C-alpha cells in the first residue's frame, strides 16, 4: 500500500526578536555543526499553527486542550439541558471519570480538574454531554455512563488538530492518538549571538528635579534566517479522520497555517512578524526527509551573496544530492518564493503563489486518499 508523505521546508528571516525564550528569558539556542544557532522549539511553532487554524477551519473541526475539562463539559451540559444546571458539574465529573480520566478534587469555588492537559474535539465534548444528559435520568448515573460506553465517545470524531498533533492520555493509553504531523525545531542557518537591549521606561509624571526614568532593564534578542521543517503522514491522518474531504482540508489548513504563523513571544516589543522567503513542498512515498544537513556547515554571508541566497542554494543542493545518492525522487513538488535570491529553488519544483500551492497539494492529497480507500 503506497504512502503519501508531505515534507514542508521553509527559509524565513526574522529581525531582532525573542520568539521563544527559556526559563531565564533568553532566546532559545542549540549547537549544530559545531556552532551555536538561534532556535525556536517545535512546541512553540505547533502552538502558533494551532492558533492560526482559527482562520482556516470552523470551530467544529477543532479541539480544546485543557485541564479544566470538567468545567468545559459542564458548560456544554448546561447549554444543552439548562434544567440540569445545578447538577452539571457533578455529571461532568462522573462522565470524565467514566472515560477513565483521573479527576483531582476541586479547589475552593472551582470545578475539579484533570491531572494533566486533556485534548478533546468539539464533537467529543458534545457526545459526552449527550451521554451525561441521558444518564442524568437513571437511578445509577455511574452504571448508566458505563453502559453508554462513554470511553468510546472520547475516541472517535477526532478533530483536525488532534489528528495532526496527536493526543496522549496518561491514564488511558488505548485512547491515545498517534500524531500525523511532525514539526522540527527551527534553527538558524548561520551562527547566532544573543544580544542585549538596555532600555529605560520614562515616568510621565515627575518633578522638575527628577530625570524621569521610572524603570530600567534589559531584554535579550537575536536575529536569524531560520530553516523550518515539518512533515505530514497523509495515511495516518486518513486513519485518524476517516474522510477524504476532512483529510484534504486538514492538510491545506496545516500548510497555510504553518507557513503563515509565528510564535508570539515578545511581538509587542520587537514587531518581528515576517513571511518566509521560500517554501518548498515535496511529496514523497518512502519516508520523510529533513534537509537540515544543508546547513551543517553554517551559512556565512559575503560581499557577493547574503544569507538567504546562500541558504537557498544549499537547500537546493542538499535536495538534489539526496535524490542522486538515494534515489529519493519526490512524486510531486512545488516552490513559493520571494525575489532573485531564492531563484535556485525553482530547480526543485514549479514556482507558484502559496494559494495555488495549497490547492494543488490538496488535489494530490485528495486523489491519493481516494486511491488508498
Foldseek 3Di string as FASTA:
>chain_A
DWWKKKKKKFKAWWAWAQQAADPVQAQDWDAFLNFIWGWDAQVLLLVLLLVLLVVQDDLQQAKDWDQQQLVVLLVLLCVVPVVCNVCSSVLSVLLCVLLQFDWDDDDPPGGITTPGIFIAGPQLSNVSSVQSVVLVPDPDSNVSSNVVVNNVSRQAPGHLSCQAQWTDGPRDRVSTADHQKDWHIKIALAHKDKDKDKDFDFQPDDDPPDPRGPDIDIHITIIGTIIIMMMGTLVSSCVRNVDLVNSLSSQLSSVVSSQQTGRDHCCVPPVTRDGTQKMKMFMFGPDDDDLSVLRSPGDDADPVGGRLLSSLVSSLVSVVVCCVPPVGQGPAMEMEHDDDSNVSCVVNHPHDHSVVVSVVVSVVSSVVVVVVD
